[in-house]
Amino acid sequence: IAYGAGDMWTNMFQPFWAIPLLGITR
């Protein structure tokens, strides 16, 4: 859980997983 908290935390800087959202929202 502690490791997972770090992984999800820096998603707000790392844009990789934003790609589908960016495609939908243009």
mmCIF file of all heavy atoms, coordinates in Angstrom:
data_MODEL
# 
_entry.id   MODEL 
# 
loop_
_atom_site.group_PDB 
_atom_site.id 
_atom_site.type_symbol 
_atom_site.label_atom_id 
_atom_site.label_alt_id 
_atom_site.label_comp_id 
_atom_site.label_asym_id 
_atom_site.label_entity_id 
_atom_site.label_seq_id 
_atom_site.pdbx_PDB_ins_code 
_atom_site.Cartn_x 
_atom_site.Cartn_y 
_atom_site.Cartn_z 
_atom_site.occupancy 
_atom_site.B_iso_or_equiv 
_atom_site.pdbx_formal_charge 
_atom_site.auth_seq_id 
_atom_site.auth_comp_id 
_atom_site.auth_asym_id 
_atom_site.auth_atom_id 
_atom_site.pdbx_PDB_model_num 
ATOM 1   N N   . ILE A 1 1  ? 0.834   -1.203 0.000   1.00 0.00 ? 1  ILE A N   1 
ATOM 2   C CA  . ILE A 1 1  ? 0.000   0.000  0.000   1.00 0.00 ? 1  ILE A CA  1 
ATOM 3   C C   . ILE A 1 1  ? 0.869   1.252  0.000   1.00 0.00 ? 1  ILE A C   1 
ATOM 4   O O   . ILE A 1 1  ? 0.594   2.229  -0.714  1.00 0.00 ? 1  ILE A O   1 
ATOM 5   C CB  . ILE A 1 1  ? -0.942  -0.007 1.208   1.00 0.00 ? 1  ILE A CB  1 
ATOM 6   C CG1 . ILE A 1 1  ? -2.003  -1.089 1.029   1.00 0.00 ? 1  ILE A CG1 1 
ATOM 7   C CG2 . ILE A 1 1  ? -1.626  1.353  1.391   1.00 0.00 ? 1  ILE A CG2 1 
ATOM 8   C CD1 . ILE A 1 1  ? -2.821  -0.953 -0.239  1.00 0.00 ? 1  ILE A CD1 1 
ATOM 9   N N   . ALA A 1 2  ? 1.945   1.264  0.797   1.00 0.00 ? 2  ALA A N   1 
ATOM 10  C CA  . ALA A 1 2  ? 2.824   2.427  0.853   1.00 0.00 ? 2  ALA A CA  1 
ATOM 11  C C   . ALA A 1 2  ? 3.475   2.671  -0.502  1.00 0.00 ? 2  ALA A C   1 
ATOM 12  O O   . ALA A 1 2  ? 3.523   3.816  -0.985  1.00 0.00 ? 2  ALA A O   1 
ATOM 13  C CB  . ALA A 1 2  ? 3.890   2.227  1.930   1.00 0.00 ? 2  ALA A CB  1 
ATOM 14  N N   . TYR A 1 3  ? 3.978   1.605  -1.122  1.00 0.00 ? 3  TYR A N   1 
ATOM 15  C CA  . TYR A 1 3  ? 4.534   1.737  -2.469  1.00 0.00 ? 3  TYR A CA  1 
ATOM 16  C C   . TYR A 1 3  ? 3.479   2.244  -3.451  1.00 0.00 ? 3  TYR A C   1 
ATOM 17  O O   . TYR A 1 3  ? 3.724   3.142  -4.258  1.00 0.00 ? 3  TYR A O   1 
ATOM 18  C CB  . TYR A 1 3  ? 5.089   0.390  -2.947  1.00 0.00 ? 3  TYR A CB  1 
ATOM 19  C CG  . TYR A 1 3  ? 5.007   0.250  -4.435  1.00 0.00 ? 3  TYR A CG  1 
ATOM 20  C CD1 . TYR A 1 3  ? 5.950   0.852  -5.253  1.00 0.00 ? 3  TYR A CD1 1 
ATOM 21  C CD2 . TYR A 1 3  ? 3.945   -0.428 -5.023  1.00 0.00 ? 3  TYR A CD2 1 
ATOM 22  C CE1 . TYR A 1 3  ? 5.843   0.759  -6.624  1.00 0.00 ? 3  TYR A CE1 1 
ATOM 23  C CE2 . TYR A 1 3  ? 3.833   -0.526 -6.383  1.00 0.00 ? 3  TYR A CE2 1 
ATOM 24  C CZ  . TYR A 1 3  ? 4.791   0.075  -7.191  1.00 0.00 ? 3  TYR A CZ  1 
ATOM 25  O OH  . TYR A 1 3  ? 4.650   0.001  -8.548  1.00 0.00 ? 3  TYR A OH  1 
ATOM 26  N N   . GLY A 1 4  ? 2.256   1.666  -3.384  1.00 0.00 ? 4  GLY A N   1 
ATOM 27  C CA  . GLY A 1 4  ? 1.181   2.067  -4.282  1.00 0.00 ? 4  GLY A CA  1 
ATOM 28  C C   . GLY A 1 4  ? 0.818   3.529  -4.123  1.00 0.00 ? 4  GLY A C   1 
ATOM 29  O O   . GLY A 1 4  ? 0.472   4.210  -5.098  1.00 0.00 ? 4  GLY A O   1 
ATOM 30  N N   . ALA A 1 5  ? 0.877   4.037  -2.897  1.00 0.00 ? 5  ALA A N   1 
ATOM 31  C CA  . ALA A 1 5  ? 0.589   5.453  -2.662  1.00 0.00 ? 5  ALA A CA  1 
ATOM 32  C C   . ALA A 1 5  ? 1.582   6.335  -3.413  1.00 0.00 ? 5  ALA A C   1 
ATOM 33  O O   . ALA A 1 5  ? 1.222   7.382  -3.962  1.00 0.00 ? 5  ALA A O   1 
ATOM 34  C CB  . ALA A 1 5  ? 0.627   5.758  -1.164  1.00 0.00 ? 5  ALA A CB  1 
ATOM 35  N N   . GLY A 1 6  ? 2.850   5.917  -3.456  1.00 0.00 ? 6  GLY A N   1 
ATOM 36  C CA  . GLY A 1 6  ? 3.841   6.677  -4.209  1.00 0.00 ? 6  GLY A CA  1 
ATOM 37  C C   . GLY A 1 6  ? 3.610   6.602  -5.703  1.00 0.00 ? 6  GLY A C   1 
ATOM 38  O O   . GLY A 1 6  ? 3.720   7.600  -6.420  1.00 0.00 ? 6  GLY A O   1 
ATOM 39  N N   . ASP A 1 7  ? 3.275   5.405  -6.176  1.00 0.00 ? 7  ASP A N   1 
ATOM 40  C CA  . ASP A 1 7  ? 3.019   5.219  -7.594  1.00 0.00 ? 7  ASP A CA  1 
ATOM 41  C C   . ASP A 1 7  ? 1.879   6.117  -8.081  1.00 0.00 ? 7  ASP A C   1 
ATOM 42  O O   . ASP A 1 7  ? 1.993   6.786  -9.102  1.00 0.00 ? 7  ASP A O   1 
ATOM 43  C CB  . ASP A 1 7  ? 2.688   3.752  -7.856  1.00 0.00 ? 7  ASP A CB  1 
ATOM 44  C CG  . ASP A 1 7  ? 2.128   3.525  -9.243  1.00 0.00 ? 7  ASP A CG  1 
ATOM 45  O OD1 . ASP A 1 7  ? 2.892   3.607  -10.207 1.00 0.00 ? 7  ASP A OD1 1 
ATOM 46  O OD2 . ASP A 1 7  ? 0.901   3.285  -9.356  1.00 0.00 ? 7  ASP A OD2 1 
ATOM 47  N N   . MET A 1 8  ? 0.784   6.149  -7.331  1.00 0.00 ? 8  MET A N   1 
ATOM 48  C CA  . MET A 1 8  ? -0.367  6.959  -7.781  1.00 0.00 ? 8  MET A CA  1 
ATOM 49  C C   . MET A 1 8  ? -0.115  8.448  -7.570  1.00 0.00 ? 8  MET A C   1 
ATOM 50  O O   . MET A 1 8  ? -0.635  9.283  -8.307  1.00 0.00 ? 8  MET A O   1 
ATOM 51  C CB  . MET A 1 8  ? -1.641  6.512  -7.061  1.00 0.00 ? 8  MET A CB  1 
ATOM 52  C CG  . MET A 1 8  ? -1.689  6.808  -5.580  1.00 0.00 ? 8  MET A CG  1 
ATOM 53  S SD  . MET A 1 8  ? -3.137  6.059  -4.776  1.00 0.00 ? 8  MET A SD  1 
ATOM 54  C CE  . MET A 1 8  ? -3.074  6.847  -3.160  1.00 0.00 ? 8  MET A CE  1 
ATOM 55  N N   . TRP A 1 9  ? 0.680   8.799  -6.560  1.00 0.00 ? 9  TRP A N   1 
ATOM 56  C CA  . TRP A 1 9  ? 0.933   10.205 -6.231  1.00 0.00 ? 9  TRP A CA  1 
ATOM 57  C C   . TRP A 1 9  ? 1.583   10.948 -7.397  1.00 0.00 ? 9  TRP A C   1 
ATOM 58  O O   . TRP A 1 9  ? 1.134   12.020 -7.796  1.00 0.00 ? 9  TRP A O   1 
ATOM 59  C CB  . TRP A 1 9  ? 1.810   10.240 -4.985  1.00 0.00 ? 9  TRP A CB  1 
ATOM 60  C CG  . TRP A 1 9  ? 2.315   11.581 -4.561  1.00 0.00 ? 9  TRP A CG  1 
ATOM 61  C CD1 . TRP A 1 9  ? 1.586   12.704 -4.322  1.00 0.00 ? 9  TRP A CD1 1 
ATOM 62  C CD2 . TRP A 1 9  ? 3.679   11.929 -4.308  1.00 0.00 ? 9  TRP A CD2 1 
ATOM 63  N NE1 . TRP A 1 9  ? 2.409   13.741 -3.936  1.00 0.00 ? 9  TRP A NE1 1 
ATOM 64  C CE2 . TRP A 1 9  ? 3.703   13.279 -3.915  1.00 0.00 ? 9  TRP A CE2 1 
ATOM 65  C CE3 . TRP A 1 9  ? 4.880   11.212 -4.364  1.00 0.00 ? 9  TRP A CE3 1 
ATOM 66  C CZ2 . TRP A 1 9  ? 4.887   13.935 -3.586  1.00 0.00 ? 9  TRP A CZ2 1 
ATOM 67  C CZ3 . TRP A 1 9  ? 6.054   11.869 -4.037  1.00 0.00 ? 9  TRP A CZ3 1 
ATOM 68  C CH2 . TRP A 1 9  ? 6.049   13.218 -3.655  1.00 0.00 ? 9  TRP A CH2 1 
ATOM 69  N N   . THR A 1 10 ? 2.647   10.385 -7.991  1.00 0.00 ? 10 THR A N   1 
ATOM 70  C CA  . THR A 1 10 ? 3.341   11.094 -9.065  1.00 0.00 ? 10 THR A CA  1 
ATOM 71  C C   . THR A 1 10 ? 2.682   10.919 -10.431 1.00 0.00 ? 10 THR A C   1 
ATOM 72  O O   . THR A 1 10 ? 3.192   11.424 -11.433 1.00 0.00 ? 10 THR A O   1 
ATOM 73  C CB  . THR A 1 10 ? 4.819   10.669 -9.134  1.00 0.00 ? 10 THR A CB  1 
ATOM 74  O OG1 . THR A 1 10 ? 4.914   9.240  -9.141  1.00 0.00 ? 10 THR A OG1 1 
ATOM 75  C CG2 . THR A 1 10 ? 5.596   11.225 -7.958  1.00 0.00 ? 10 THR A CG2 1 
ATOM 76  N N   . ASN A 1 11 ? 1.548   10.217 -10.493 1.00 0.00 ? 11 ASN A N   1 
ATOM 77  C CA  . ASN A 1 11 ? 0.751   10.258 -11.722 1.00 0.00 ? 11 ASN A CA  1 
ATOM 78  C C   . ASN A 1 11 ? 0.335   11.691 -12.053 1.00 0.00 ? 11 ASN A C   1 
ATOM 79  O O   . ASN A 1 11 ? 0.061   12.009 -13.211 1.00 0.00 ? 11 ASN A O   1 
ATOM 80  C CB  . ASN A 1 11 ? -0.503  9.402  -11.583 1.00 0.00 ? 11 ASN A CB  1 
ATOM 81  C CG  . ASN A 1 11 ? -0.239  7.942  -11.850 1.00 0.00 ? 11 ASN A CG  1 
ATOM 82  O OD1 . ASN A 1 11 ? 0.754   7.572  -12.476 1.00 0.00 ? 11 ASN A OD1 1 
ATOM 83  N ND2 . ASN A 1 11 ? -1.118  7.082  -11.367 1.00 0.00 ? 11 ASN A ND2 1 
ATOM 84  N N   . MET A 1 12 ? 0.279   12.540 -11.036 1.00 0.00 ? 12 MET A N   1 
ATOM 85  C CA  . MET A 1 12 ? -0.108  13.930 -11.269 1.00 0.00 ? 12 MET A CA  1 
ATOM 86  C C   . MET A 1 12 ? 0.997   14.722 -11.962 1.00 0.00 ? 12 MET A C   1 
ATOM 87  O O   . MET A 1 12 ? 0.769   15.843 -12.417 1.00 0.00 ? 12 MET A O   1 
ATOM 88  C CB  . MET A 1 12 ? -0.478  14.602 -9.948  1.00 0.00 ? 12 MET A CB  1 
ATOM 89  C CG  . MET A 1 12 ? -1.702  14.004 -9.249  1.00 0.00 ? 12 MET A CG  1 
ATOM 90  S SD  . MET A 1 12 ? -3.263  14.156 -10.184 1.00 0.00 ? 12 MET A SD  1 
ATOM 91  C CE  . MET A 1 12 ? -3.370  12.541 -10.994 1.00 0.00 ? 12 MET A CE  1 
ATOM 92  N N   . PHE A 1 13 ? 2.180   14.134 -12.075 1.00 0.00 ? 13 PHE A N   1 
ATOM 93  C CA  . PHE A 1 13 ? 3.278   14.735 -12.841 1.00 0.00 ? 13 PHE A CA  1 
ATOM 94  C C   . PHE A 1 13 ? 3.554   13.959 -14.117 1.00 0.00 ? 13 PHE A C   1 
ATOM 95  O O   . PHE A 1 13 ? 3.886   14.545 -15.149 1.00 0.00 ? 13 PHE A O   1 
ATOM 96  C CB  . PHE A 1 13 ? 4.544   14.786 -11.974 1.00 0.00 ? 13 PHE A CB  1 
ATOM 97  C CG  . PHE A 1 13 ? 5.774   15.202 -12.728 1.00 0.00 ? 13 PHE A CG  1 
ATOM 98  C CD1 . PHE A 1 13 ? 5.942   16.520 -13.145 1.00 0.00 ? 13 PHE A CD1 1 
ATOM 99  C CD2 . PHE A 1 13 ? 6.777   14.286 -13.013 1.00 0.00 ? 13 PHE A CD2 1 
ATOM 100 C CE1 . PHE A 1 13 ? 7.071   16.901 -13.846 1.00 0.00 ? 13 PHE A CE1 1 
ATOM 101 C CE2 . PHE A 1 13 ? 7.905   14.662 -13.718 1.00 0.00 ? 13 PHE A CE2 1 
ATOM 102 C CZ  . PHE A 1 13 ? 8.060   15.977 -14.132 1.00 0.00 ? 13 PHE A CZ  1 
ATOM 103 N N   . GLN A 1 14 ? 3.445   12.649 -14.061 1.00 0.00 ? 14 GLN A N   1 
ATOM 104 C CA  . GLN A 1 14 ? 3.734   11.769 -15.190 1.00 0.00 ? 14 GLN A CA  1 
ATOM 105 C C   . GLN A 1 14 ? 2.473   11.655 -16.061 1.00 0.00 ? 14 GLN A C   1 
ATOM 106 O O   . GLN A 1 14 ? 1.451   11.153 -15.615 1.00 0.00 ? 14 GLN A O   1 
ATOM 107 C CB  . GLN A 1 14 ? 4.170   10.408 -14.652 1.00 0.00 ? 14 GLN A CB  1 
ATOM 108 C CG  . GLN A 1 14 ? 4.134   9.246  -15.609 1.00 0.00 ? 14 GLN A CG  1 
ATOM 109 C CD  . GLN A 1 14 ? 5.011   9.446  -16.819 1.00 0.00 ? 14 GLN A CD  1 
ATOM 110 O OE1 . GLN A 1 14 ? 4.509   9.830  -17.868 1.00 0.00 ? 14 GLN A OE1 1 
ATOM 111 N NE2 . GLN A 1 14 ? 6.303   9.194  -16.692 1.00 0.00 ? 14 GLN A NE2 1 
ATOM 112 N N   . PRO A 1 15 ? 2.526   12.120 -17.340 1.00 0.00 ? 15 PRO A N   1 
ATOM 113 C CA  . PRO A 1 15 ? 1.294   12.211 -18.151 1.00 0.00 ? 15 PRO A CA  1 
ATOM 114 C C   . PRO A 1 15 ? 0.915   10.946 -18.895 1.00 0.00 ? 15 PRO A C   1 
ATOM 115 O O   . PRO A 1 15 ? -0.045  10.958 -19.667 1.00 0.00 ? 15 PRO A O   1 
ATOM 116 C CB  . PRO A 1 15 ? 1.643   13.322 -19.144 1.00 0.00 ? 15 PRO A CB  1 
ATOM 117 C CG  . PRO A 1 15 ? 3.119   13.155 -19.365 1.00 0.00 ? 15 PRO A CG  1 
ATOM 118 C CD  . PRO A 1 15 ? 3.682   12.717 -18.023 1.00 0.00 ? 15 PRO A CD  1 
ATOM 119 N N   . PHE A 1 16 ? 1.637   9.840  -18.682 1.00 0.00 ? 16 PHE A N   1 
ATOM 120 C CA  . PHE A 1 16 ? 1.398   8.653  -19.503 1.00 0.00 ? 16 PHE A CA  1 
ATOM 121 C C   . PHE A 1 16 ? -0.053  8.197  -19.465 1.00 0.00 ? 16 PHE A C   1 
ATOM 122 O O   . PHE A 1 16 ? -0.682  7.962  -20.490 1.00 0.00 ? 16 PHE A O   1 
ATOM 123 C CB  . PHE A 1 16 ? 2.323   7.520  -19.048 1.00 0.00 ? 16 PHE A CB  1 
ATOM 124 C CG  . PHE A 1 16 ? 2.099   6.231  -19.790 1.00 0.00 ? 16 PHE A CG  1 
ATOM 125 C CD1 . PHE A 1 16 ? 2.515   6.093  -21.099 1.00 0.00 ? 16 PHE A CD1 1 
ATOM 126 C CD2 . PHE A 1 16 ? 1.460   5.156  -19.188 1.00 0.00 ? 16 PHE A CD2 1 
ATOM 127 C CE1 . PHE A 1 16 ? 2.311   4.906  -21.796 1.00 0.00 ? 16 PHE A CE1 1 
ATOM 128 C CE2 . PHE A 1 16 ? 1.253   3.971  -19.872 1.00 0.00 ? 16 PHE A CE2 1 
ATOM 129 C CZ  . PHE A 1 16 ? 1.680   3.839  -21.178 1.00 0.00 ? 16 PHE A CZ  1 
ATOM 130 N N   . TRP A 1 17 ? -0.610  8.053  -18.244 1.00 0.00 ? 17 TRP A N   1 
ATOM 131 C CA  . TRP A 1 17 ? -1.958  7.515  -18.137 1.00 0.00 ? 17 TRP A CA  1 
ATOM 132 C C   . TRP A 1 17 ? -3.033  8.539  -18.469 1.00 0.00 ? 17 TRP A C   1 
ATOM 133 O O   . TRP A 1 17 ? -4.222  8.211  -18.495 1.00 0.00 ? 17 TRP A O   1 
ATOM 134 C CB  . TRP A 1 17 ? -2.188  6.933  -16.743 1.00 0.00 ? 17 TRP A CB  1 
ATOM 135 C CG  . TRP A 1 17 ? -1.356  5.716  -16.514 1.00 0.00 ? 17 TRP A CG  1 
ATOM 136 C CD1 . TRP A 1 17 ? -0.300  5.575  -15.663 1.00 0.00 ? 17 TRP A CD1 1 
ATOM 137 C CD2 . TRP A 1 17 ? -1.482  4.457  -17.182 1.00 0.00 ? 17 TRP A CD2 1 
ATOM 138 N NE1 . TRP A 1 17 ? 0.236   4.318  -15.761 1.00 0.00 ? 17 TRP A NE1 1 
ATOM 139 C CE2 . TRP A 1 17 ? -0.468  3.611  -16.681 1.00 0.00 ? 17 TRP A CE2 1 
ATOM 140 C CE3 . TRP A 1 17 ? -2.350  3.972  -18.159 1.00 0.00 ? 17 TRP A CE3 1 
ATOM 141 C CZ2 . TRP A 1 17 ? -0.297  2.298  -17.125 1.00 0.00 ? 17 TRP A CZ2 1 
ATOM 142 C CZ3 . TRP A 1 17 ? -2.189  2.661  -18.599 1.00 0.00 ? 17 TRP A CZ3 1 
ATOM 143 C CH2 . TRP A 1 17 ? -1.176  1.844  -18.084 1.00 0.00 ? 17 TRP A CH2 1 
ATOM 144 N N   . ALA A 1 18 ? -2.615  9.779  -18.742 1.00 0.00 ? 18 ALA A N   1 
ATOM 145 C CA  . ALA A 1 18 ? -3.589  10.786 -19.166 1.00 0.00 ? 18 ALA A CA  1 
ATOM 146 C C   . ALA A 1 18 ? -3.925  10.666 -20.645 1.00 0.00 ? 18 ALA A C   1 
ATOM 147 O O   . ALA A 1 18 ? -4.850  11.332 -21.118 1.00 0.00 ? 18 ALA A O   1 
ATOM 148 C CB  . ALA A 1 18 ? -3.060  12.191 -18.871 1.00 0.00 ? 18 ALA A CB  1 
ATOM 149 N N   . ILE A 1 19 ? -3.194  9.829  -21.376 1.00 0.00 ? 19 ILE A N   1 
ATOM 150 C CA  . ILE A 1 19 ? -3.365  9.766  -22.832 1.00 0.00 ? 19 ILE A CA  1 
ATOM 151 C C   . ILE A 1 19 ? -4.813  9.474  -23.241 1.00 0.00 ? 19 ILE A C   1 
ATOM 152 O O   . ILE A 1 19 ? -5.363  10.174 -24.107 1.00 0.00 ? 19 ILE A O   1 
ATOM 153 C CB  . ILE A 1 19 ? -2.395  8.730  -23.436 1.00 0.00 ? 19 ILE A CB  1 
ATOM 154 C CG1 . ILE A 1 19 ? -0.947  9.203  -23.268 1.00 0.00 ? 19 ILE A CG1 1 
ATOM 155 C CG2 . ILE A 1 19 ? -2.690  8.501  -24.914 1.00 0.00 ? 19 ILE A CG2 1 
ATOM 156 C CD1 . ILE A 1 19 ? 0.086   8.145  -23.604 1.00 0.00 ? 19 ILE A CD1 1 
ATOM 157 N N   . PRO A 1 20 ? -5.478  8.459  -22.667 1.00 0.00 ? 20 PRO A N   1 
ATOM 158 C CA  . PRO A 1 20 ? -6.886  8.239  -23.067 1.00 0.00 ? 20 PRO A CA  1 
ATOM 159 C C   . PRO A 1 20 ? -7.774  9.439  -22.743 1.00 0.00 ? 20 PRO A C   1 
ATOM 160 O O   . PRO A 1 20 ? -8.641  9.812  -23.543 1.00 0.00 ? 20 PRO A O   1 
ATOM 161 C CB  . PRO A 1 20 ? -7.287  7.011  -22.244 1.00 0.00 ? 20 PRO A CB  1 
ATOM 162 C CG  . PRO A 1 20 ? -6.008  6.335  -21.895 1.00 0.00 ? 20 PRO A CG  1 
ATOM 163 C CD  . PRO A 1 20 ? -5.016  7.432  -21.713 1.00 0.00 ? 20 PRO A CD  1 
ATOM 164 N N   . LEU A 1 21 ? -7.583  10.046 -21.571 1.00 0.00 ? 21 LEU A N   1 
ATOM 165 C CA  . LEU A 1 21 ? -8.379  11.217 -21.202 1.00 0.00 ? 21 LEU A CA  1 
ATOM 166 C C   . LEU A 1 21 ? -8.139  12.360 -22.179 1.00 0.00 ? 21 LEU A C   1 
ATOM 167 O O   . LEU A 1 21 ? -9.085  13.050 -22.595 1.00 0.00 ? 21 LEU A O   1 
ATOM 168 C CB  . LEU A 1 21 ? -8.040  11.644 -19.776 1.00 0.00 ? 21 LEU A CB  1 
ATOM 169 C CG  . LEU A 1 21 ? -8.713  12.919 -19.259 1.00 0.00 ? 21 LEU A CG  1 
ATOM 170 C CD1 . LEU A 1 21 ? -9.151  12.760 -17.802 1.00 0.00 ? 21 LEU A CD1 1 
ATOM 171 C CD2 . LEU A 1 21 ? -7.770  14.123 -19.365 1.00 0.00 ? 21 LEU A CD2 1 
ATOM 172 N N   . LEU A 1 22 ? -6.895  12.568 -22.570 1.00 0.00 ? 22 LEU A N   1 
ATOM 173 C CA  . LEU A 1 22 ? -6.584  13.652 -23.492 1.00 0.00 ? 22 LEU A CA  1 
ATOM 174 C C   . LEU A 1 22 ? -7.246  13.421 -24.847 1.00 0.00 ? 22 LEU A C   1 
ATOM 175 O O   . LEU A 1 22 ? -7.704  14.362 -25.493 1.00 0.00 ? 22 LEU A O   1 
ATOM 176 C CB  . LEU A 1 22 ? -5.064  13.781 -23.654 1.00 0.00 ? 22 LEU A CB  1 
ATOM 177 C CG  . LEU A 1 22 ? -4.281  14.117 -22.379 1.00 0.00 ? 22 LEU A CG  1 
ATOM 178 C CD1 . LEU A 1 22 ? -2.779  14.057 -22.641 1.00 0.00 ? 22 LEU A CD1 1 
ATOM 179 C CD2 . LEU A 1 22 ? -4.672  15.486 -21.855 1.00 0.00 ? 22 LEU A CD2 1 
ATOM 180 N N   . GLY A 1 23 ? -7.289  12.148 -25.263 1.00 0.00 ? 23 GLY A N   1 
ATOM 181 C CA  . GLY A 1 23 ? -7.949  11.854 -26.533 1.00 0.00 ? 23 GLY A CA  1 
ATOM 182 C C   . GLY A 1 23 ? -9.444  12.126 -26.486 1.00 0.00 ? 23 GLY A C   1 
ATOM 183 O O   . GLY A 1 23 ? -10.016 12.679 -27.432 1.00 0.00 ? 23 GLY A O   1 
ATOM 184 N N   . ILE A 1 24 ? -10.089 11.769 -25.399 1.00 0.00 ? 24 ILE A N   1 
ATOM 185 C CA  . ILE A 1 24 ? -11.530 11.978 -25.269 1.00 0.00 ? 24 ILE A CA  1 
ATOM 186 C C   . ILE A 1 24 ? -11.870 13.459 -25.150 1.00 0.00 ? 24 ILE A C   1 
ATOM 187 O O   . ILE A 1 24 ? -12.830 13.940 -25.755 1.00 0.00 ? 24 ILE A O   1 
ATOM 188 C CB  . ILE A 1 24 ? -12.065 11.208 -24.046 1.00 0.00 ? 24 ILE A CB  1 
ATOM 189 C CG1 . ILE A 1 24 ? -11.971 9.705  -24.292 1.00 0.00 ? 24 ILE A CG1 1 
ATOM 190 C CG2 . ILE A 1 24 ? -13.515 11.597 -23.733 1.00 0.00 ? 24 ILE A CG2 1 
ATOM 191 C CD1 . ILE A 1 24 ? -12.234 8.865  -23.058 1.00 0.00 ? 24 ILE A CD1 1 
ATOM 192 N N   . THR A 1 25 ? -11.072 14.190 -24.378 1.00 0.00 ? 25 THR A N   1 
ATOM 193 C CA  . THR A 1 25 ? -11.379 15.601 -24.105 1.00 0.00 ? 25 THR A CA  1 
ATOM 194 C C   . THR A 1 25 ? -10.797 16.541 -25.142 1.00 0.00 ? 25 THR A C   1 
ATOM 195 O O   . THR A 1 25 ? -11.105 17.733 -25.134 1.00 0.00 ? 25 THR A O   1 
ATOM 196 C CB  . THR A 1 25 ? -10.844 16.007 -22.718 1.00 0.00 ? 25 THR A CB  1 
ATOM 197 O OG1 . THR A 1 25 ? -9.425  15.819 -22.677 1.00 0.00 ? 25 THR A OG1 1 
ATOM 198 C CG2 . THR A 1 25 ? -11.504 15.181 -21.627 1.00 0.00 ? 25 THR A CG2 1 
ATOM 199 N N   . ARG A 1 26 ? -9.945  16.015 -26.038 1.00 0.00 ? 26 ARG A N   1 
ATOM 200 C CA  . ARG A 1 26 ? -9.275  16.815 -27.078 1.00 0.00 ? 26 ARG A CA  1 
ATOM 201 C C   . ARG A 1 26 ? -8.312  17.849 -26.482 1.00 0.00 ? 26 ARG A C   1 
ATOM 202 O O   . ARG A 1 26 ? -8.150  18.936 -27.034 1.00 0.00 ? 26 ARG A O   1 
ATOM 203 C CB  . ARG A 1 26 ? -10.293 17.510 -27.985 1.00 0.00 ? 26 ARG A CB  1 
ATOM 204 C CG  . ARG A 1 26 ? -11.299 16.604 -28.655 1.00 0.00 ? 26 ARG A CG  1 
ATOM 205 C CD  . ARG A 1 26 ? -10.608 15.622 -29.615 1.00 0.00 ? 26 ARG A CD  1 
ATOM 206 N NE  . ARG A 1 26 ? -11.574 14.973 -30.462 1.00 0.00 ? 26 ARG A NE  1 
ATOM 207 C CZ  . ARG A 1 26 ? -12.173 13.819 -30.180 1.00 0.00 ? 26 ARG A CZ  1 
ATOM 208 N NH1 . ARG A 1 26 ? -11.894 13.196 -29.050 1.00 0.00 ? 26 ARG A NH1 1 
ATOM 209 N NH2 . ARG A 1 26 ? -13.032 13.284 -31.024 1.00 0.00 ? 26 ARG A NH2 1 
# 
